[in-house]
Amino acid sequence: REGAIHSIIGPNGAGKTTFFNCVTGF
């Protein structure tokens, strides 16, 4: 949501940084 502070959590290897890399085009 616009203006939100939204967190993604999960154990190691859950896919969090992979998700960031998809959003940013890496």
mmCIF file of all heavy atoms, coordinates in Angstrom:
data_MODEL
# 
_entry.id   MODEL 
# 
loop_
_atom_site.group_PDB 
_atom_site.id 
_atom_site.type_symbol 
_atom_site.label_atom_id 
_atom_site.label_alt_id 
_atom_site.label_comp_id 
_atom_site.label_asym_id 
_atom_site.label_entity_id 
_atom_site.label_seq_id 
_atom_site.pdbx_PDB_ins_code 
_atom_site.Cartn_x 
_atom_site.Cartn_y 
_atom_site.Cartn_z 
_atom_site.occupancy 
_atom_site.B_iso_or_equiv 
_atom_site.pdbx_formal_charge 
_atom_site.auth_seq_id 
_atom_site.auth_comp_id 
_atom_site.auth_asym_id 
_atom_site.auth_atom_id 
_atom_site.pdbx_PDB_model_num 
ATOM 1   N N   . ARG A 1 1  ? 0.827  -1.205  0.000   1.00 0.00 ? 1  ARG A N   1 
ATOM 2   C CA  . ARG A 1 1  ? 0.000  0.000   0.000   1.00 0.00 ? 1  ARG A CA  1 
ATOM 3   C C   . ARG A 1 1  ? 0.861  1.256   0.000   1.00 0.00 ? 1  ARG A C   1 
ATOM 4   O O   . ARG A 1 1  ? 1.918  1.304   0.639   1.00 0.00 ? 1  ARG A O   1 
ATOM 5   C CB  . ARG A 1 1  ? -0.914 -0.013  1.238   1.00 0.00 ? 1  ARG A CB  1 
ATOM 6   C CG  . ARG A 1 1  ? -1.821 1.195   1.371   1.00 0.00 ? 1  ARG A CG  1 
ATOM 7   C CD  . ARG A 1 1  ? -2.735 1.051   2.573   1.00 0.00 ? 1  ARG A CD  1 
ATOM 8   N NE  . ARG A 1 1  ? -1.975 0.835   3.802   1.00 0.00 ? 1  ARG A NE  1 
ATOM 9   C CZ  . ARG A 1 1  ? -1.384 1.822   4.483   1.00 0.00 ? 1  ARG A CZ  1 
ATOM 10  N NH1 . ARG A 1 1  ? -1.437 3.061   4.046   1.00 0.00 ? 1  ARG A NH1 1 
ATOM 11  N NH2 . ARG A 1 1  ? -0.737 1.544   5.595   1.00 0.00 ? 1  ARG A NH2 1 
ATOM 12  N N   . GLU A 1 2  ? 0.421  2.260   -0.719  1.00 0.00 ? 2  GLU A N   1 
ATOM 13  C CA  . GLU A 1 2  ? 1.149  3.526   -0.781  1.00 0.00 ? 2  GLU A CA  1 
ATOM 14  C C   . GLU A 1 2  ? 1.273  4.135   0.622   1.00 0.00 ? 2  GLU A C   1 
ATOM 15  O O   . GLU A 1 2  ? 0.317  4.208   1.386   1.00 0.00 ? 2  GLU A O   1 
ATOM 16  C CB  . GLU A 1 2  ? 0.446  4.511   -1.705  1.00 0.00 ? 2  GLU A CB  1 
ATOM 17  C CG  . GLU A 1 2  ? 1.202  5.815   -1.881  1.00 0.00 ? 2  GLU A CG  1 
ATOM 18  C CD  . GLU A 1 2  ? 0.597  6.689   -2.968  1.00 0.00 ? 2  GLU A CD  1 
ATOM 19  O OE1 . GLU A 1 2  ? -0.517 6.388   -3.434  1.00 0.00 ? 2  GLU A OE1 1 
ATOM 20  O OE2 . GLU A 1 2  ? 1.242  7.674   -3.344  1.00 0.00 ? 2  GLU A OE2 1 
ATOM 21  N N   . GLY A 1 3  ? 2.500  4.538   0.966   1.00 0.00 ? 3  GLY A N   1 
ATOM 22  C CA  . GLY A 1 3  ? 2.752  5.156   2.255   1.00 0.00 ? 3  GLY A CA  1 
ATOM 23  C C   . GLY A 1 3  ? 2.929  4.189   3.404   1.00 0.00 ? 3  GLY A C   1 
ATOM 24  O O   . GLY A 1 3  ? 3.035  4.608   4.561   1.00 0.00 ? 3  GLY A O   1 
ATOM 25  N N   . ALA A 1 4  ? 3.003  2.889   3.107   1.00 0.00 ? 4  ALA A N   1 
ATOM 26  C CA  . ALA A 1 4  ? 3.098  1.886   4.170   1.00 0.00 ? 4  ALA A CA  1 
ATOM 27  C C   . ALA A 1 4  ? 4.553  1.553   4.491   1.00 0.00 ? 4  ALA A C   1 
ATOM 28  O O   . ALA A 1 4  ? 5.467  1.809   3.708   1.00 0.00 ? 4  ALA A O   1 
ATOM 29  C CB  . ALA A 1 4  ? 2.370  0.609   3.755   1.00 0.00 ? 4  ALA A CB  1 
ATOM 30  N N   . ILE A 1 5  ? 4.748  0.981   5.672   1.00 0.00 ? 5  ILE A N   1 
ATOM 31  C CA  . ILE A 1 5  ? 5.991  0.279   6.006   1.00 0.00 ? 5  ILE A CA  1 
ATOM 32  C C   . ILE A 1 5  ? 5.619  -1.192  6.075   1.00 0.00 ? 5  ILE A C   1 
ATOM 33  O O   . ILE A 1 5  ? 4.930  -1.631  7.004   1.00 0.00 ? 5  ILE A O   1 
ATOM 34  C CB  . ILE A 1 5  ? 6.599  0.765   7.327   1.00 0.00 ? 5  ILE A CB  1 
ATOM 35  C CG1 . ILE A 1 5  ? 6.951  2.257   7.245   1.00 0.00 ? 5  ILE A CG1 1 
ATOM 36  C CG2 . ILE A 1 5  ? 7.842  -0.055  7.675   1.00 0.00 ? 5  ILE A CG2 1 
ATOM 37  C CD1 . ILE A 1 5  ? 7.504  2.835   8.538   1.00 0.00 ? 5  ILE A CD1 1 
ATOM 38  N N   . HIS A 1 6  ? 6.039  -1.951  5.086   1.00 0.00 ? 6  HIS A N   1 
ATOM 39  C CA  . HIS A 1 6  ? 5.621  -3.337  4.877   1.00 0.00 ? 6  HIS A CA  1 
ATOM 40  C C   . HIS A 1 6  ? 6.862  -4.220  4.976   1.00 0.00 ? 6  HIS A C   1 
ATOM 41  O O   . HIS A 1 6  ? 7.859  -3.971  4.305   1.00 0.00 ? 6  HIS A O   1 
ATOM 42  C CB  . HIS A 1 6  ? 4.980  -3.444  3.495   1.00 0.00 ? 6  HIS A CB  1 
ATOM 43  C CG  . HIS A 1 6  ? 4.326  -4.757  3.201   1.00 0.00 ? 6  HIS A CG  1 
ATOM 44  N ND1 . HIS A 1 6  ? 3.090  -4.850  2.576   1.00 0.00 ? 6  HIS A ND1 1 
ATOM 45  C CD2 . HIS A 1 6  ? 4.719  -6.045  3.416   1.00 0.00 ? 6  HIS A CD2 1 
ATOM 46  C CE1 . HIS A 1 6  ? 2.763  -6.122  2.436   1.00 0.00 ? 6  HIS A CE1 1 
ATOM 47  N NE2 . HIS A 1 6  ? 3.749  -6.867  2.934   1.00 0.00 ? 6  HIS A NE2 1 
ATOM 48  N N   . SER A 1 7  ? 6.810  -5.237  5.806   1.00 0.00 ? 7  SER A N   1 
ATOM 49  C CA  . SER A 1 7  ? 7.971  -6.117  6.011   1.00 0.00 ? 7  SER A CA  1 
ATOM 50  C C   . SER A 1 7  ? 7.746  -7.486  5.400   1.00 0.00 ? 7  SER A C   1 
ATOM 51  O O   . SER A 1 7  ? 6.614  -7.994  5.355   1.00 0.00 ? 7  SER A O   1 
ATOM 52  C CB  . SER A 1 7  ? 8.268  -6.279  7.509   1.00 0.00 ? 7  SER A CB  1 
ATOM 53  O OG  . SER A 1 7  ? 8.709  -5.075  8.078   1.00 0.00 ? 7  SER A OG  1 
ATOM 54  N N   . ILE A 1 8  ? 8.847  -8.075  4.939   1.00 0.00 ? 8  ILE A N   1 
ATOM 55  C CA  . ILE A 1 8  ? 8.863  -9.470  4.491   1.00 0.00 ? 8  ILE A CA  1 
ATOM 56  C C   . ILE A 1 8  ? 9.794  -10.226 5.419   1.00 0.00 ? 8  ILE A C   1 
ATOM 57  O O   . ILE A 1 8  ? 10.965 -9.843  5.586   1.00 0.00 ? 8  ILE A O   1 
ATOM 58  C CB  . ILE A 1 8  ? 9.350  -9.601  3.038   1.00 0.00 ? 8  ILE A CB  1 
ATOM 59  C CG1 . ILE A 1 8  ? 8.426  -8.833  2.090   1.00 0.00 ? 8  ILE A CG1 1 
ATOM 60  C CG2 . ILE A 1 8  ? 9.422  -11.062 2.633   1.00 0.00 ? 8  ILE A CG2 1 
ATOM 61  C CD1 . ILE A 1 8  ? 8.893  -8.860  0.645   1.00 0.00 ? 8  ILE A CD1 1 
ATOM 62  N N   . ILE A 1 9  ? 9.293  -11.277 6.041   1.00 0.00 ? 9  ILE A N   1 
ATOM 63  C CA  . ILE A 1 9  ? 10.114 -12.073 6.943   1.00 0.00 ? 9  ILE A CA  1 
ATOM 64  C C   . ILE A 1 9  ? 10.043 -13.539 6.525   1.00 0.00 ? 9  ILE A C   1 
ATOM 65  O O   . ILE A 1 9  ? 9.232  -13.923 5.688   1.00 0.00 ? 9  ILE A O   1 
ATOM 66  C CB  . ILE A 1 9  ? 9.687  -11.915 8.414   1.00 0.00 ? 9  ILE A CB  1 
ATOM 67  C CG1 . ILE A 1 9  ? 8.291  -12.500 8.643   1.00 0.00 ? 9  ILE A CG1 1 
ATOM 68  C CG2 . ILE A 1 9  ? 9.729  -10.451 8.842   1.00 0.00 ? 9  ILE A CG2 1 
ATOM 69  C CD1 . ILE A 1 9  ? 7.881  -12.563 10.114  1.00 0.00 ? 9  ILE A CD1 1 
ATOM 70  N N   . GLY A 1 10 ? 10.903 -14.341 7.136   1.00 0.00 ? 10 GLY A N   1 
ATOM 71  C CA  . GLY A 1 10 ? 10.927 -15.772 6.860   1.00 0.00 ? 10 GLY A CA  1 
ATOM 72  C C   . GLY A 1 10 ? 12.281 -16.342 7.221   1.00 0.00 ? 10 GLY A C   1 
ATOM 73  O O   . GLY A 1 10 ? 13.265 -15.603 7.328   1.00 0.00 ? 10 GLY A O   1 
ATOM 74  N N   . PRO A 1 11 ? 12.373 -17.644 7.410   1.00 0.00 ? 11 PRO A N   1 
ATOM 75  C CA  . PRO A 1 11 ? 13.652 -18.277 7.738   1.00 0.00 ? 11 PRO A CA  1 
ATOM 76  C C   . PRO A 1 11 ? 14.673 -18.080 6.610   1.00 0.00 ? 11 PRO A C   1 
ATOM 77  O O   . PRO A 1 11 ? 14.326 -17.680 5.497   1.00 0.00 ? 11 PRO A O   1 
ATOM 78  C CB  . PRO A 1 11 ? 13.286 -19.762 7.890   1.00 0.00 ? 11 PRO A CB  1 
ATOM 79  C CG  . PRO A 1 11 ? 11.801 -19.794 8.031   1.00 0.00 ? 11 PRO A CG  1 
ATOM 80  C CD  . PRO A 1 11 ? 11.274 -18.614 7.293   1.00 0.00 ? 11 PRO A CD  1 
ATOM 81  N N   . ASN A 1 12 ? 15.922 -18.373 6.897   1.00 0.00 ? 12 ASN A N   1 
ATOM 82  C CA  . ASN A 1 12 ? 16.956 -18.322 5.862   1.00 0.00 ? 12 ASN A CA  1 
ATOM 83  C C   . ASN A 1 12 ? 16.567 -19.220 4.695   1.00 0.00 ? 12 ASN A C   1 
ATOM 84  O O   . ASN A 1 12 ? 16.114 -20.345 4.898   1.00 0.00 ? 12 ASN A O   1 
ATOM 85  C CB  . ASN A 1 12 ? 18.308 -18.771 6.431   1.00 0.00 ? 12 ASN A CB  1 
ATOM 86  C CG  . ASN A 1 12 ? 18.890 -17.762 7.406   1.00 0.00 ? 12 ASN A CG  1 
ATOM 87  O OD1 . ASN A 1 12 ? 18.601 -16.577 7.322   1.00 0.00 ? 12 ASN A OD1 1 
ATOM 88  N ND2 . ASN A 1 12 ? 19.702 -18.243 8.336   1.00 0.00 ? 12 ASN A ND2 1 
ATOM 89  N N   . GLY A 1 13 ? 16.750 -18.713 3.469   1.00 0.00 ? 13 GLY A N   1 
ATOM 90  C CA  . GLY A 1 13 ? 16.413 -19.491 2.294   1.00 0.00 ? 13 GLY A CA  1 
ATOM 91  C C   . GLY A 1 13 ? 14.950 -19.454 1.918   1.00 0.00 ? 13 GLY A C   1 
ATOM 92  O O   . GLY A 1 13 ? 14.515 -20.210 1.043   1.00 0.00 ? 13 GLY A O   1 
ATOM 93  N N   . ALA A 1 14 ? 14.181 -18.550 2.547   1.00 0.00 ? 14 ALA A N   1 
ATOM 94  C CA  . ALA A 1 14 ? 12.745 -18.498 2.276   1.00 0.00 ? 14 ALA A CA  1 
ATOM 95  C C   . ALA A 1 14 ? 12.417 -17.836 0.949   1.00 0.00 ? 14 ALA A C   1 
ATOM 96  O O   . ALA A 1 14 ? 11.296 -17.952 0.457   1.00 0.00 ? 14 ALA A O   1 
ATOM 97  C CB  . ALA A 1 14 ? 12.024 -17.765 3.409   1.00 0.00 ? 14 ALA A CB  1 
ATOM 98  N N   . GLY A 1 15 ? 13.375 -17.109 0.349   1.00 0.00 ? 15 GLY A N   1 
ATOM 99  C CA  . GLY A 1 15 ? 13.138 -16.467 -0.930  1.00 0.00 ? 15 GLY A CA  1 
ATOM 100 C C   . GLY A 1 15 ? 13.001 -14.952 -0.855  1.00 0.00 ? 15 GLY A C   1 
ATOM 101 O O   . GLY A 1 15 ? 12.632 -14.307 -1.835  1.00 0.00 ? 15 GLY A O   1 
ATOM 102 N N   . LYS A 1 16 ? 13.323 -14.368 0.294   1.00 0.00 ? 16 LYS A N   1 
ATOM 103 C CA  . LYS A 1 16 ? 13.102 -12.935 0.502   1.00 0.00 ? 16 LYS A CA  1 
ATOM 104 C C   . LYS A 1 16 ? 13.954 -12.079 -0.435  1.00 0.00 ? 16 LYS A C   1 
ATOM 105 O O   . LYS A 1 16 ? 13.438 -11.200 -1.148  1.00 0.00 ? 16 LYS A O   1 
ATOM 106 C CB  . LYS A 1 16 ? 13.397 -12.567 1.965   1.00 0.00 ? 16 LYS A CB  1 
ATOM 107 C CG  . LYS A 1 16 ? 12.588 -13.371 2.974   1.00 0.00 ? 16 LYS A CG  1 
ATOM 108 C CD  . LYS A 1 16 ? 12.887 -12.982 4.399   1.00 0.00 ? 16 LYS A CD  1 
ATOM 109 C CE  . LYS A 1 16 ? 14.306 -13.282 4.831   1.00 0.00 ? 16 LYS A CE  1 
ATOM 110 N NZ  . LYS A 1 16 ? 14.623 -14.729 4.863   1.00 0.00 ? 16 LYS A NZ  1 
ATOM 111 N N   . THR A 1 17 ? 15.263 -12.317 -0.454  1.00 0.00 ? 17 THR A N   1 
ATOM 112 C CA  . THR A 1 17 ? 16.140 -11.519 -1.322  1.00 0.00 ? 17 THR A CA  1 
ATOM 113 C C   . THR A 1 17 ? 15.898 -11.849 -2.787  1.00 0.00 ? 17 THR A C   1 
ATOM 114 O O   . THR A 1 17 ? 15.998 -10.975 -3.654  1.00 0.00 ? 17 THR A O   1 
ATOM 115 C CB  . THR A 1 17 ? 17.616 -11.750 -0.942  1.00 0.00 ? 17 THR A CB  1 
ATOM 116 O OG1 . THR A 1 17 ? 17.824 -11.290 0.408   1.00 0.00 ? 17 THR A OG1 1 
ATOM 117 C CG2 . THR A 1 17 ? 18.542 -10.978 -1.866  1.00 0.00 ? 17 THR A CG2 1 
ATOM 118 N N   . THR A 1 18 ? 15.556 -13.098 -3.088  1.00 0.00 ? 18 THR A N   1 
ATOM 119 C CA  . THR A 1 18 ? 15.189 -13.452 -4.466  1.00 0.00 ? 18 THR A CA  1 
ATOM 120 C C   . THR A 1 18 ? 13.996 -12.621 -4.924  1.00 0.00 ? 18 THR A C   1 
ATOM 121 O O   . THR A 1 18 ? 13.949 -12.148 -6.072  1.00 0.00 ? 18 THR A O   1 
ATOM 122 C CB  . THR A 1 18 ? 14.856 -14.949 -4.564  1.00 0.00 ? 18 THR A CB  1 
ATOM 123 O OG1 . THR A 1 18 ? 16.012 -15.724 -4.224  1.00 0.00 ? 18 THR A OG1 1 
ATOM 124 C CG2 . THR A 1 18 ? 14.421 -15.321 -5.978  1.00 0.00 ? 18 THR A CG2 1 
ATOM 125 N N   . PHE A 1 19 ? 13.040 -12.411 -4.034  1.00 0.00 ? 19 PHE A N   1 
ATOM 126 C CA  . PHE A 1 19 ? 11.874 -11.578 -4.359  1.00 0.00 ? 19 PHE A CA  1 
ATOM 127 C C   . PHE A 1 19 ? 12.323 -10.148 -4.664  1.00 0.00 ? 19 PHE A C   1 
ATOM 128 O O   . PHE A 1 19 ? 11.889 -9.557  -5.665  1.00 0.00 ? 19 PHE A O   1 
ATOM 129 C CB  . PHE A 1 19 ? 10.881 -11.596 -3.207  1.00 0.00 ? 19 PHE A CB  1 
ATOM 130 C CG  . PHE A 1 19 ? 9.647  -10.780 -3.468  1.00 0.00 ? 19 PHE A CG  1 
ATOM 131 C CD1 . PHE A 1 19 ? 8.611  -11.293 -4.234  1.00 0.00 ? 19 PHE A CD1 1 
ATOM 132 C CD2 . PHE A 1 19 ? 9.522  -9.499  -2.959  1.00 0.00 ? 19 PHE A CD2 1 
ATOM 133 C CE1 . PHE A 1 19 ? 7.473  -10.535 -4.496  1.00 0.00 ? 19 PHE A CE1 1 
ATOM 134 C CE2 . PHE A 1 19 ? 8.392  -8.735  -3.204  1.00 0.00 ? 19 PHE A CE2 1 
ATOM 135 C CZ  . PHE A 1 19 ? 7.366  -9.254  -3.974  1.00 0.00 ? 19 PHE A CZ  1 
ATOM 136 N N   . PHE A 1 20 ? 13.192 -9.593  -3.833  1.00 0.00 ? 20 PHE A N   1 
ATOM 137 C CA  . PHE A 1 20 ? 13.731 -8.249  -4.093  1.00 0.00 ? 20 PHE A CA  1 
ATOM 138 C C   . PHE A 1 20 ? 14.423 -8.196  -5.447  1.00 0.00 ? 20 PHE A C   1 
ATOM 139 O O   . PHE A 1 20 ? 14.267 -7.234  -6.209  1.00 0.00 ? 20 PHE A O   1 
ATOM 140 C CB  . PHE A 1 20 ? 14.720 -7.862  -3.001  1.00 0.00 ? 20 PHE A CB  1 
ATOM 141 C CG  . PHE A 1 20 ? 14.110 -7.116  -1.840  1.00 0.00 ? 20 PHE A CG  1 
ATOM 142 C CD1 . PHE A 1 20 ? 12.768 -7.254  -1.529  1.00 0.00 ? 20 PHE A CD1 1 
ATOM 143 C CD2 . PHE A 1 20 ? 14.882 -6.284  -1.037  1.00 0.00 ? 20 PHE A CD2 1 
ATOM 144 C CE1 . PHE A 1 20 ? 12.203 -6.576  -0.454  1.00 0.00 ? 20 PHE A CE1 1 
ATOM 145 C CE2 . PHE A 1 20 ? 14.334 -5.595  0.023   1.00 0.00 ? 20 PHE A CE2 1 
ATOM 146 C CZ  . PHE A 1 20 ? 12.997 -5.736  0.328   1.00 0.00 ? 20 PHE A CZ  1 
ATOM 147 N N   . ASN A 1 21 ? 15.195 -9.227  -5.769  1.00 0.00 ? 21 ASN A N   1 
ATOM 148 C CA  . ASN A 1 21 ? 15.927 -9.243  -7.033  1.00 0.00 ? 21 ASN A CA  1 
ATOM 149 C C   . ASN A 1 21 ? 14.988 -9.301  -8.235  1.00 0.00 ? 21 ASN A C   1 
ATOM 150 O O   . ASN A 1 21 ? 15.291 -8.759  -9.296  1.00 0.00 ? 21 ASN A O   1 
ATOM 151 C CB  . ASN A 1 21 ? 16.905 -10.424 -7.068  1.00 0.00 ? 21 ASN A CB  1 
ATOM 152 C CG  . ASN A 1 21 ? 18.115 -10.210 -6.175  1.00 0.00 ? 21 ASN A CG  1 
ATOM 153 O OD1 . ASN A 1 21 ? 18.484 -9.070  -5.874  1.00 0.00 ? 21 ASN A OD1 1 
ATOM 154 N ND2 . ASN A 1 21 ? 18.736 -11.290 -5.747  1.00 0.00 ? 21 ASN A ND2 1 
ATOM 155 N N   . CYS A 1 22 ? 13.855 -9.956  -8.076  1.00 0.00 ? 22 CYS A N   1 
ATOM 156 C CA  . CYS A 1 22 ? 12.854 -9.984  -9.158  1.00 0.00 ? 22 CYS A CA  1 
ATOM 157 C C   . CYS A 1 22 ? 12.201 -8.616  -9.321  1.00 0.00 ? 22 CYS A C   1 
ATOM 158 O O   . CYS A 1 22 ? 12.021 -8.131  -10.447 1.00 0.00 ? 22 CYS A O   1 
ATOM 159 C CB  . CYS A 1 22 ? 11.796 -11.050 -8.876  1.00 0.00 ? 22 CYS A CB  1 
ATOM 160 S SG  . CYS A 1 22 ? 12.361 -12.757 -9.100  1.00 0.00 ? 22 CYS A SG  1 
ATOM 161 N N   . VAL A 1 23 ? 11.853 -7.981  -8.211  1.00 0.00 ? 23 VAL A N   1 
ATOM 162 C CA  . VAL A 1 23 ? 11.196 -6.673  -8.272  1.00 0.00 ? 23 VAL A CA  1 
ATOM 163 C C   . VAL A 1 23 ? 12.108 -5.635  -8.914  1.00 0.00 ? 23 VAL A C   1 
ATOM 164 O O   . VAL A 1 23 ? 11.648 -4.778  -9.677  1.00 0.00 ? 23 VAL A O   1 
ATOM 165 C CB  . VAL A 1 23 ? 10.767 -6.225  -6.860  1.00 0.00 ? 23 VAL A CB  1 
ATOM 166 C CG1 . VAL A 1 23 ? 10.312 -4.759  -6.865  1.00 0.00 ? 23 VAL A CG1 1 
ATOM 167 C CG2 . VAL A 1 23 ? 9.648  -7.116  -6.331  1.00 0.00 ? 23 VAL A CG2 1 
ATOM 168 N N   . THR A 1 24 ? 13.412 -5.710  -8.643  1.00 0.00 ? 24 THR A N   1 
ATOM 169 C CA  . THR A 1 24 ? 14.345 -4.688  -9.126  1.00 0.00 ? 24 THR A CA  1 
ATOM 170 C C   . THR A 1 24 ? 14.978 -5.023  -10.471 1.00 0.00 ? 24 THR A C   1 
ATOM 171 O O   . THR A 1 24 ? 15.822 -4.277  -10.961 1.00 0.00 ? 24 THR A O   1 
ATOM 172 C CB  . THR A 1 24 ? 15.459 -4.453  -8.090  1.00 0.00 ? 24 THR A CB  1 
ATOM 173 O OG1 . THR A 1 24 ? 16.072 -5.700  -7.738  1.00 0.00 ? 24 THR A OG1 1 
ATOM 174 C CG2 . THR A 1 24 ? 14.894 -3.812  -6.832  1.00 0.00 ? 24 THR A CG2 1 
ATOM 175 N N   . GLY A 1 25 ? 14.598 -6.140  -11.082 1.00 0.00 ? 25 GLY A N   1 
ATOM 176 C CA  . GLY A 1 25 ? 15.080 -6.449  -12.420 1.00 0.00 ? 25 GLY A CA  1 
ATOM 177 C C   . GLY A 1 25 ? 16.365 -7.231  -12.491 1.00 0.00 ? 25 GLY A C   1 
ATOM 178 O O   . GLY A 1 25 ? 16.853 -7.529  -13.594 1.00 0.00 ? 25 GLY A O   1 
ATOM 179 N N   . PHE A 1 26 ? 16.953 -7.591  -11.348 1.00 0.00 ? 26 PHE A N   1 
ATOM 180 C CA  . PHE A 1 26 ? 18.178 -8.398  -11.378 1.00 0.00 ? 26 PHE A CA  1 
ATOM 181 C C   . PHE A 1 26 ? 17.866 -9.834  -11.813 1.00 0.00 ? 26 PHE A C   1 
ATOM 182 O O   . PHE A 1 26 ? 18.689 -10.494 -12.437 1.00 0.00 ? 26 PHE A O   1 
ATOM 183 C CB  . PHE A 1 26 ? 18.848 -8.396  -10.003 1.00 0.00 ? 26 PHE A CB  1 
ATOM 184 C CG  . PHE A 1 26 ? 19.545 -7.107  -9.675  1.00 0.00 ? 26 PHE A CG  1 
ATOM 185 C CD1 . PHE A 1 26 ? 18.901 -6.113  -8.965  1.00 0.00 ? 26 PHE A CD1 1 
ATOM 186 C CD2 . PHE A 1 26 ? 20.843 -6.864  -10.099 1.00 0.00 ? 26 PHE A CD2 1 
ATOM 187 C CE1 . PHE A 1 26 ? 19.524 -4.914  -8.674  1.00 0.00 ? 26 PHE A CE1 1 
ATOM 188 C CE2 . PHE A 1 26 ? 21.482 -5.678  -9.815  1.00 0.00 ? 26 PHE A CE2 1 
ATOM 189 C CZ  . PHE A 1 26 ? 20.817 -4.694  -9.097  1.00 0.00 ? 26 PHE A CZ  1 
# 
